[in-house]
N, C-alpha and C. Protein backbone atom coordinates (compact mmCIF):
# COMPACT_ATOMS: atom_id res chain seq x y z
N UNK A 1 -219.83 -52.82 89.74
CA UNK A 1 -220.45 -52.88 90.75
C UNK A 1 -219.65 -52.86 92.36
N UNK A 2 -218.41 -53.37 92.10
CA UNK A 2 -217.71 -53.17 93.57
C UNK A 2 -217.53 -51.80 93.72
N UNK A 3 -217.24 -51.09 92.54
CA UNK A 3 -216.77 -49.65 92.47
C UNK A 3 -217.79 -48.68 93.35
N UNK A 4 -219.34 -49.07 92.93
CA UNK A 4 -220.27 -48.04 93.32
C UNK A 4 -220.43 -48.75 95.24
N UNK A 5 -220.31 -49.86 95.31
CA UNK A 5 -220.47 -50.13 96.51
C UNK A 5 -219.07 -49.24 97.48
N UNK A 6 -217.81 -49.36 97.04
CA UNK A 6 -216.97 -48.82 97.76
C UNK A 6 -216.95 -47.00 97.69
N UNK A 7 -217.63 -46.64 96.75
CA UNK A 7 -217.81 -44.99 96.71
C UNK A 7 -219.14 -44.76 97.62
N UNK A 8 -220.04 -45.73 97.79
CA UNK A 8 -221.15 -45.38 98.74
C UNK A 8 -220.59 -45.38 100.16
N UNK A 9 -219.92 -46.60 100.45
CA UNK A 9 -219.58 -46.61 101.72
C UNK A 9 -218.31 -45.75 102.01
N UNK A 10 -217.73 -44.92 101.19
CA UNK A 10 -216.75 -43.79 101.36
C UNK A 10 -217.94 -42.38 101.96
N UNK A 11 -218.74 -42.53 100.77
CA UNK A 11 -219.26 -41.40 100.93
C UNK A 11 -220.25 -41.31 102.44
N UNK A 12 -220.59 -42.29 102.85
CA UNK A 12 -221.04 -42.72 104.06
C UNK A 12 -220.56 -42.26 105.23
N UNK A 13 -219.28 -42.87 105.07
CA UNK A 13 -218.02 -42.64 106.21
C UNK A 13 -217.49 -41.05 106.15
N UNK A 14 -217.83 -40.51 105.10
CA UNK A 14 -217.23 -38.91 104.88
C UNK A 14 -218.46 -37.96 105.94
N UNK A 15 -219.57 -38.53 105.39
CA UNK A 15 -220.99 -37.82 106.03
C UNK A 15 -220.62 -38.26 107.44
N UNK A 16 -220.51 -39.19 108.01
CA UNK A 16 -220.37 -39.50 109.20
C UNK A 16 -219.40 -38.60 110.01
N UNK A 17 -218.23 -38.92 109.35
CA UNK A 17 -216.93 -38.07 109.80
C UNK A 17 -217.33 -36.43 110.08
N UNK A 18 -217.99 -35.83 108.90
CA UNK A 18 -218.38 -34.53 109.07
C UNK A 18 -219.43 -34.20 110.19
N UNK A 19 -220.35 -35.10 110.16
CA UNK A 19 -221.43 -34.88 111.15
C UNK A 19 -220.70 -35.09 112.37
N UNK A 20 -219.40 -36.06 112.74
CA UNK A 20 -219.11 -35.90 114.25
C UNK A 20 -218.06 -35.04 114.34
N UNK A 21 -217.57 -34.26 113.46
CA UNK A 21 -216.54 -33.03 113.43
C UNK A 21 -217.49 -31.87 113.92
N UNK A 22 -218.92 -31.82 113.33
CA UNK A 22 -219.95 -30.66 113.54
C UNK A 22 -220.09 -30.94 115.04
N UNK A 23 -220.49 -32.18 115.56
CA UNK A 23 -221.18 -32.01 116.95
C UNK A 23 -220.17 -32.44 117.69
N UNK A 24 -218.85 -32.58 117.78
CA UNK A 24 -217.78 -32.85 118.50
C UNK A 24 -217.71 -31.41 119.73
N UNK A 25 -217.65 -30.36 119.39
CA UNK A 25 -217.55 -29.12 120.10
C UNK A 25 -219.05 -29.14 121.04
N UNK A 26 -220.06 -29.39 120.44
CA UNK A 26 -221.04 -29.83 121.42
C UNK A 26 -221.27 -30.93 122.43
N UNK A 27 -220.50 -32.14 121.91
CA UNK A 27 -220.25 -33.10 122.67
C UNK A 27 -219.50 -32.76 124.05
N UNK A 28 -218.33 -32.20 123.36
CA UNK A 28 -217.37 -31.82 124.59
C UNK A 28 -217.78 -30.58 125.26
N UNK A 29 -218.69 -29.80 125.03
CA UNK A 29 -219.27 -28.78 126.10
C UNK A 29 -220.36 -29.50 127.22
N UNK A 30 -220.88 -30.42 126.22
CA UNK A 30 -222.02 -31.21 127.44
C UNK A 30 -221.32 -31.93 128.21
N UNK A 31 -220.10 -32.60 127.81
CA UNK A 31 -219.25 -33.73 128.47
C UNK A 31 -218.47 -32.63 129.80
N UNK A 32 -218.23 -31.40 129.39
CA UNK A 32 -217.75 -30.62 130.52
C UNK A 32 -218.72 -29.85 131.27
N UNK A 33 -219.90 -30.31 131.04
CA UNK A 33 -220.96 -29.54 131.88
C UNK A 33 -221.79 -28.22 131.32
N UNK A 34 -221.56 -28.56 129.97
CA UNK A 34 -221.94 -27.01 129.29
C UNK A 34 -220.93 -25.55 129.52
N UNK A 35 -221.39 -24.94 128.90
CA UNK A 35 -220.73 -23.68 128.99
C UNK A 35 -221.01 -23.05 130.14
N UNK A 36 -221.83 -23.39 131.10
CA UNK A 36 -222.11 -22.63 132.08
C UNK A 36 -223.53 -21.58 131.96
N UNK A 37 -223.74 -20.86 133.18
CA UNK A 37 -224.88 -20.06 133.05
C UNK A 37 -224.69 -18.52 133.62
N UNK A 38 -225.39 -17.84 133.01
CA UNK A 38 -225.30 -16.25 133.28
C UNK A 38 -226.57 -15.62 134.01
N UNK A 39 -226.32 -14.55 134.77
CA UNK A 39 -227.58 -14.07 135.18
C UNK A 39 -228.09 -12.59 134.45
N UNK A 40 -229.18 -12.60 134.07
CA UNK A 40 -229.64 -11.58 133.08
C UNK A 40 -230.91 -11.03 133.57
N UNK A 41 -231.13 -9.73 133.82
CA UNK A 41 -232.34 -9.01 134.35
C UNK A 41 -233.49 -9.12 133.35
N UNK A 42 -234.60 -9.50 133.95
CA UNK A 42 -235.78 -9.44 133.23
C UNK A 42 -236.51 -8.43 133.09
N UNK A 43 -236.37 -6.82 133.80
CA UNK A 43 -236.41 -5.62 133.35
C UNK A 43 -235.14 -5.17 133.11
N UNK A 44 -235.36 -3.33 132.72
CA UNK A 44 -234.46 -2.33 132.78
C UNK A 44 -234.04 -2.37 134.27
N UNK A 45 -233.03 -2.00 134.75
CA UNK A 45 -232.40 -1.92 136.41
C UNK A 45 -231.67 -0.69 136.00
N UNK A 46 -231.83 0.42 136.96
CA UNK A 46 -231.04 1.90 136.68
C UNK A 46 -230.30 1.94 137.60
N UNK A 47 -229.33 2.90 137.34
CA UNK A 47 -228.43 3.44 138.75
C UNK A 47 -228.59 3.63 139.98
N UNK A 48 -228.37 2.92 140.72
CA UNK A 48 -228.75 3.21 142.32
C UNK A 48 -229.75 2.21 142.68
N UNK A 49 -230.36 1.44 141.56
CA UNK A 49 -231.31 0.63 142.19
C UNK A 49 -230.78 -0.65 142.85
N UNK A 50 -231.60 -1.07 143.89
CA UNK A 50 -231.16 -2.38 144.86
C UNK A 50 -231.87 -3.48 143.75
N UNK A 51 -230.75 -4.52 143.76
CA UNK A 51 -231.52 -5.58 142.81
C UNK A 51 -232.10 -6.76 143.74
N UNK A 52 -233.00 -7.00 143.39
CA UNK A 52 -233.85 -8.21 143.82
C UNK A 52 -233.91 -9.47 142.89
N UNK A 53 -234.03 -10.59 143.37
CA UNK A 53 -233.90 -11.84 142.99
C UNK A 53 -235.21 -12.01 142.01
N UNK A 54 -236.42 -10.96 142.12
CA UNK A 54 -237.43 -11.41 140.96
C UNK A 54 -237.28 -10.62 140.11
N UNK A 55 -236.32 -9.50 139.79
CA UNK A 55 -235.38 -8.94 138.53
C UNK A 55 -234.82 -9.79 137.78
N UNK A 56 -234.25 -10.93 138.18
CA UNK A 56 -233.55 -11.47 137.58
C UNK A 56 -233.73 -13.04 137.03
N UNK A 57 -232.93 -13.48 136.08
CA UNK A 57 -233.55 -15.13 135.83
C UNK A 57 -231.56 -15.61 135.11
N UNK A 58 -231.80 -16.96 135.32
CA UNK A 58 -230.52 -17.74 134.88
C UNK A 58 -230.76 -18.44 133.72
N UNK A 59 -229.85 -18.01 132.83
CA UNK A 59 -229.76 -18.40 131.41
C UNK A 59 -228.81 -19.06 130.96
N UNK A 60 -228.66 -20.15 130.21
CA UNK A 60 -227.61 -20.97 129.82
C UNK A 60 -226.41 -20.08 128.73
N UNK A 61 -225.49 -20.20 128.91
CA UNK A 61 -224.51 -19.35 128.16
C UNK A 61 -224.38 -20.10 126.83
N UNK A 62 -224.56 -19.88 125.62
CA UNK A 62 -224.30 -20.28 124.57
C UNK A 62 -223.29 -19.67 123.39
N UNK A 63 -223.03 -18.51 123.61
CA UNK A 63 -221.78 -17.72 123.06
C UNK A 63 -220.37 -18.25 123.41
N UNK A 64 -219.61 -18.89 122.89
CA UNK A 64 -218.64 -19.37 123.41
C UNK A 64 -217.36 -18.62 123.56
N UNK A 65 -217.56 -17.33 122.91
CA UNK A 65 -217.00 -16.19 123.11
C UNK A 65 -217.05 -15.25 124.02
N UNK A 66 -218.41 -15.71 124.95
CA UNK A 66 -218.58 -14.50 126.15
C UNK A 66 -217.34 -15.13 127.34
N UNK A 67 -216.83 -13.51 127.81
CA UNK A 67 -215.88 -13.42 128.92
C UNK A 67 -216.14 -12.67 129.72
N UNK A 68 -215.04 -12.56 130.64
CA UNK A 68 -215.31 -11.38 131.53
C UNK A 68 -215.63 -11.62 132.84
N UNK A 69 -216.23 -10.65 133.73
CA UNK A 69 -216.45 -11.02 134.97
C UNK A 69 -218.38 -10.63 135.18
N UNK A 70 -218.92 -11.37 134.11
CA UNK A 70 -220.56 -11.55 134.29
C UNK A 70 -220.84 -12.27 135.38
N UNK A 71 -221.84 -12.05 136.03
CA UNK A 71 -222.50 -12.77 137.10
C UNK A 71 -222.91 -14.10 136.59
N UNK A 72 -222.86 -15.18 137.58
CA UNK A 72 -222.95 -16.58 136.89
C UNK A 72 -224.34 -17.17 137.95
N UNK A 73 -224.28 -16.54 139.06
CA UNK A 73 -225.42 -16.95 140.00
C UNK A 73 -226.27 -16.00 140.36
N UNK A 74 -227.57 -16.11 140.79
CA UNK A 74 -228.25 -14.94 141.29
C UNK A 74 -228.07 -14.55 142.72
N UNK A 75 -227.53 -15.22 143.50
CA UNK A 75 -227.21 -14.87 144.99
C UNK A 75 -225.93 -14.12 144.96
N UNK A 76 -225.28 -14.03 143.72
CA UNK A 76 -224.12 -13.20 144.01
C UNK A 76 -224.58 -11.75 143.38
N UNK A 77 -225.49 -11.54 142.97
CA UNK A 77 -226.32 -10.35 142.47
C UNK A 77 -227.25 -9.65 143.39
N UNK A 78 -228.10 -10.40 144.09
CA UNK A 78 -229.42 -10.16 144.84
C UNK A 78 -228.66 -8.81 145.96
N UNK A 79 -229.59 -7.95 146.16
CA UNK A 79 -228.95 -7.11 147.23
C UNK A 79 -227.91 -6.33 147.16
N UNK A 80 -227.25 -6.18 146.05
CA UNK A 80 -226.35 -5.16 145.38
C UNK A 80 -227.06 -3.99 144.61
N UNK A 81 -226.22 -3.15 144.65
CA UNK A 81 -226.59 -1.75 143.79
C UNK A 81 -226.13 -1.59 142.69
N UNK A 82 -226.85 -1.04 141.75
CA UNK A 82 -226.58 -0.97 140.08
C UNK A 82 -225.77 0.11 140.17
N UNK A 83 -224.52 0.12 139.48
CA UNK A 83 -223.76 1.39 138.91
C UNK A 83 -224.42 2.20 137.89
N UNK A 84 -224.62 1.25 137.00
CA UNK A 84 -225.08 1.71 135.66
C UNK A 84 -226.51 1.14 135.04
N UNK A 85 -226.80 1.65 133.87
CA UNK A 85 -228.15 0.72 133.79
C UNK A 85 -227.78 -0.65 133.08
N UNK A 86 -228.82 -1.69 133.61
CA UNK A 86 -228.48 -2.66 133.10
C UNK A 86 -229.86 -3.21 132.25
N UNK A 87 -229.52 -3.41 131.04
CA UNK A 87 -230.88 -4.13 130.25
C UNK A 87 -231.26 -5.57 130.24
N UNK A 88 -232.65 -5.57 129.60
CA UNK A 88 -233.13 -6.75 130.12
C UNK A 88 -232.27 -7.76 129.10
N UNK A 89 -232.18 -9.03 129.56
CA UNK A 89 -231.45 -10.01 128.45
C UNK A 89 -229.97 -9.86 128.48
N UNK A 90 -229.49 -9.05 128.72
CA UNK A 90 -228.05 -8.70 128.73
C UNK A 90 -227.21 -9.36 130.23
N UNK A 91 -226.03 -9.68 129.78
CA UNK A 91 -225.50 -10.29 131.27
C UNK A 91 -225.10 -9.26 131.91
N UNK A 92 -225.07 -9.46 133.57
CA UNK A 92 -224.55 -8.45 134.38
C UNK A 92 -223.30 -8.48 134.64
N UNK A 93 -222.59 -7.16 134.26
CA UNK A 93 -221.04 -7.41 134.66
C UNK A 93 -220.87 -6.71 136.14
N UNK A 94 -220.13 -8.04 137.08
CA UNK A 94 -220.07 -7.78 138.43
C UNK A 94 -219.22 -6.42 138.76
N UNK A 95 -218.47 -5.86 137.87
CA UNK A 95 -217.72 -4.86 138.34
C UNK A 95 -218.57 -3.45 138.20
N UNK A 96 -219.88 -3.83 137.52
CA UNK A 96 -220.65 -2.78 137.60
C UNK A 96 -221.79 -2.58 138.73
N UNK A 97 -221.57 -3.27 139.99
CA UNK A 97 -222.32 -3.79 140.90
C UNK A 97 -221.25 -3.05 142.36
N UNK A 98 -222.35 -2.28 143.47
CA UNK A 98 -221.64 -2.39 144.37
C UNK A 98 -222.23 -2.72 145.52
N UNK A 99 -221.85 -2.88 146.89
CA UNK A 99 -222.60 -2.86 148.19
C UNK A 99 -223.45 -1.48 148.23
N UNK A 100 -224.65 -1.91 149.08
CA UNK A 100 -225.71 -0.51 149.26
C UNK A 100 -224.62 -0.04 150.16
N UNK A 101 -225.12 1.78 150.36
CA UNK A 101 -224.30 2.32 151.28
C UNK A 101 -225.05 2.20 152.98
N UNK A 102 -223.94 2.15 153.87
CA UNK A 102 -224.52 1.90 155.08
C UNK A 102 -224.94 3.37 155.77
N UNK A 103 -224.19 4.35 155.29
CA UNK A 103 -224.38 5.46 155.30
C UNK A 103 -224.37 6.62 154.64
N UNK A 104 -225.06 7.60 154.50
CA UNK A 104 -225.48 8.53 153.50
C UNK A 104 -224.67 9.96 153.57
N UNK A 105 -224.15 10.64 153.04
CA UNK A 105 -223.84 12.03 152.85
C UNK A 105 -224.98 12.68 153.90
N UNK A 106 -224.81 13.52 154.59
CA UNK A 106 -225.66 14.38 155.40
C UNK A 106 -226.75 13.89 156.29
N UNK A 107 -226.70 12.58 156.39
CA UNK A 107 -227.49 11.75 157.38
C UNK A 107 -227.14 12.08 159.03
N UNK A 108 -228.17 11.75 160.12
CA UNK A 108 -227.29 11.95 161.32
C UNK A 108 -227.22 10.37 161.70
N UNK A 109 -225.64 10.39 162.07
CA UNK A 109 -225.23 9.09 162.42
C UNK A 109 -224.57 9.14 163.89
N UNK A 110 -224.13 8.25 164.44
CA UNK A 110 -223.13 8.09 165.88
C UNK A 110 -221.82 7.94 165.74
N UNK A 111 -220.94 8.62 166.00
CA UNK A 111 -219.55 8.59 166.06
C UNK A 111 -219.20 8.02 167.29
N UNK A 112 -218.04 6.89 167.04
CA UNK A 112 -217.79 6.38 168.24
C UNK A 112 -216.55 5.86 168.23
N UNK A 113 -215.89 6.45 169.24
CA UNK A 113 -214.16 6.21 169.58
C UNK A 113 -213.80 5.56 170.62
N UNK A 114 -213.17 4.56 170.60
CA UNK A 114 -212.68 3.56 171.76
C UNK A 114 -211.26 3.67 171.86
N UNK A 115 -210.74 3.78 173.70
CA UNK A 115 -209.44 4.21 173.67
C UNK A 115 -209.29 3.40 175.05
N UNK A 116 -208.78 2.05 174.64
CA UNK A 116 -208.69 1.20 175.98
C UNK A 116 -210.28 0.60 176.41
N UNK A 117 -210.48 1.13 177.86
CA UNK A 117 -211.71 0.52 177.98
C UNK A 117 -213.03 1.62 178.11
N UNK A 118 -212.35 2.99 177.78
CA UNK A 118 -213.19 4.05 177.71
C UNK A 118 -213.85 4.23 176.13
N UNK A 119 -215.21 4.50 175.77
CA UNK A 119 -215.56 4.59 174.76
C UNK A 119 -216.43 5.77 174.64
N UNK A 120 -216.05 6.85 173.73
CA UNK A 120 -216.75 8.28 173.67
C UNK A 120 -217.61 8.12 172.26
N UNK A 121 -218.84 8.66 172.31
CA UNK A 121 -219.98 8.50 171.20
C UNK A 121 -220.33 10.13 171.16
N UNK A 122 -220.68 10.50 169.95
CA UNK A 122 -221.08 11.81 169.49
C UNK A 122 -221.65 11.67 168.30
N UNK A 123 -222.45 12.66 168.17
CA UNK A 123 -223.60 12.90 166.96
C UNK A 123 -222.84 13.42 165.93
N UNK A 124 -223.01 12.75 164.59
CA UNK A 124 -221.94 13.25 163.57
C UNK A 124 -222.93 13.22 162.03
N UNK A 125 -222.42 13.66 160.91
CA UNK A 125 -222.83 13.58 159.93
C UNK A 125 -221.69 13.32 158.77
N UNK A 126 -221.99 12.02 158.13
CA UNK A 126 -220.76 11.67 156.93
C UNK A 126 -220.84 12.80 155.95
N UNK A 127 -219.72 12.97 155.58
CA UNK A 127 -219.41 13.93 154.30
C UNK A 127 -219.22 13.38 153.08
N UNK A 128 -219.26 11.97 153.33
CA UNK A 128 -219.23 11.06 151.94
C UNK A 128 -220.36 9.79 152.16
N UNK A 129 -220.66 9.51 151.04
CA UNK A 129 -221.54 7.90 151.31
C UNK A 129 -220.60 6.86 151.79
N UNK A 130 -220.87 5.77 152.25
CA UNK A 130 -220.16 4.70 152.37
C UNK A 130 -220.73 3.55 152.75
N UNK A 131 -220.12 2.44 152.31
CA UNK A 131 -220.56 0.90 152.50
C UNK A 131 -219.69 0.59 153.80
N UNK A 132 -220.15 -0.69 154.06
CA UNK A 132 -219.52 -1.00 155.51
C UNK A 132 -218.07 -1.64 155.31
N UNK A 133 -217.05 -1.14 156.00
CA UNK A 133 -215.95 -1.07 155.86
C UNK A 133 -214.99 -0.12 155.27
N UNK A 134 -215.88 0.51 154.77
CA UNK A 134 -215.36 1.73 153.99
C UNK A 134 -214.91 2.89 155.19
N UNK A 135 -213.67 3.69 154.49
CA UNK A 135 -213.05 4.82 155.53
C UNK A 135 -213.87 5.95 154.93
N UNK A 136 -214.58 6.89 155.85
CA UNK A 136 -215.49 8.13 155.28
C UNK A 136 -215.09 9.28 156.10
N UNK A 137 -215.16 10.23 155.65
CA UNK A 137 -214.87 11.41 156.65
C UNK A 137 -216.32 12.18 157.21
N UNK A 138 -216.10 12.59 158.40
CA UNK A 138 -217.26 13.06 159.26
C UNK A 138 -217.14 14.27 159.89
N UNK A 139 -218.54 14.73 160.02
CA UNK A 139 -218.23 15.99 161.11
C UNK A 139 -218.85 15.87 162.16
N UNK A 140 -218.12 16.17 163.59
CA UNK A 140 -218.87 15.97 164.43
C UNK A 140 -219.64 17.15 164.86
N UNK A 141 -221.11 16.97 164.97
CA UNK A 141 -221.84 18.00 165.17
C UNK A 141 -221.91 19.00 166.41
N UNK A 142 -220.86 18.44 167.22
CA UNK A 142 -221.08 19.46 168.57
C UNK A 142 -219.91 20.36 168.44
N UNK A 143 -218.75 19.67 168.04
CA UNK A 143 -217.40 20.48 167.75
C UNK A 143 -217.27 21.23 166.25
N UNK A 144 -217.95 20.47 165.51
CA UNK A 144 -217.43 20.79 164.08
C UNK A 144 -216.09 20.33 163.78
N UNK A 145 -215.42 19.63 164.31
CA UNK A 145 -214.19 19.09 163.88
C UNK A 145 -214.72 17.77 162.92
N UNK A 146 -213.84 17.59 161.70
CA UNK A 146 -213.94 16.66 160.91
C UNK A 146 -213.17 15.50 161.13
N UNK A 147 -213.20 14.27 161.03
CA UNK A 147 -212.91 13.20 161.69
C UNK A 147 -212.79 12.01 160.29
N UNK A 148 -211.98 10.94 160.74
CA UNK A 148 -212.07 9.75 159.88
C UNK A 148 -212.34 8.82 160.38
N UNK A 149 -212.85 7.54 159.64
CA UNK A 149 -213.59 6.39 160.70
C UNK A 149 -214.19 5.67 159.70
N UNK A 150 -214.24 4.34 160.03
CA UNK A 150 -214.65 3.18 159.49
C UNK A 150 -216.17 3.01 159.57
N UNK A 151 -217.12 2.64 158.54
CA UNK A 151 -218.29 2.45 158.61
C UNK A 151 -218.38 0.85 159.20
N UNK A 152 -219.41 0.71 160.03
CA UNK A 152 -219.60 -0.47 160.65
C UNK A 152 -221.19 -0.87 160.09
N UNK A 153 -221.42 -2.10 160.41
CA UNK A 153 -222.50 -2.60 160.13
C UNK A 153 -223.97 -1.98 160.46
N UNK A 154 -224.22 -1.44 161.51
CA UNK A 154 -225.23 -0.99 162.26
C UNK A 154 -225.27 0.77 162.02
N UNK A 155 -224.41 1.24 160.74
CA UNK A 155 -224.41 2.68 160.41
C UNK A 155 -223.67 3.34 161.38
N UNK A 156 -223.12 3.00 162.50
CA UNK A 156 -222.03 4.20 162.75
C UNK A 156 -220.86 4.07 162.24
N UNK A 157 -220.15 4.95 162.73
CA UNK A 157 -218.61 5.54 162.38
C UNK A 157 -217.65 4.89 163.23
N UNK A 158 -216.80 4.23 163.23
CA UNK A 158 -215.79 3.99 164.39
C UNK A 158 -214.51 4.83 164.20
N UNK A 159 -214.76 5.91 164.80
CA UNK A 159 -213.43 7.03 164.54
C UNK A 159 -211.91 6.36 164.80
N UNK A 160 -211.00 6.73 164.16
CA UNK A 160 -209.90 6.27 164.35
C UNK A 160 -208.85 7.36 164.80
N UNK A 161 -208.25 6.86 166.01
CA UNK A 161 -207.34 7.59 166.87
C UNK A 161 -205.99 8.24 166.07
N UNK A 162 -205.62 9.60 166.39
CA UNK A 162 -204.78 9.88 165.68
C UNK A 162 -203.54 10.21 166.45
């Protein structure tokens, strides 16, 4: 009889140990604040589309092997442009996104050059697409000269003096 009780207690202890071992990773994950969250589209987003918050949802990451540069908050993705097709329910790689273009090739823009207190402006057209802060080439529409400059927030190009 004593042998049966000892055996029953051993089985219960082994079962409890096995259960605890199986739950240990889950308990550790919840103690660490979970595995985190990822942003996924709720619909297909095509290259060149500007991403809005209405196209996104935040989901809990359940795959412990998920790594990389996937988006973790909706704020870091909203307003950016997709470089590739984003499928619904799949994580969004941050490297597959870019800032929207402030100037587009062939559009009419203003070229601005400042030398000391003097500022010169001219009509121009960019030869490349560019986001704010990018260096692009542009053609002065009056003289036909090609210059390089930095794209500003208001869509003008600040020409660099040589």
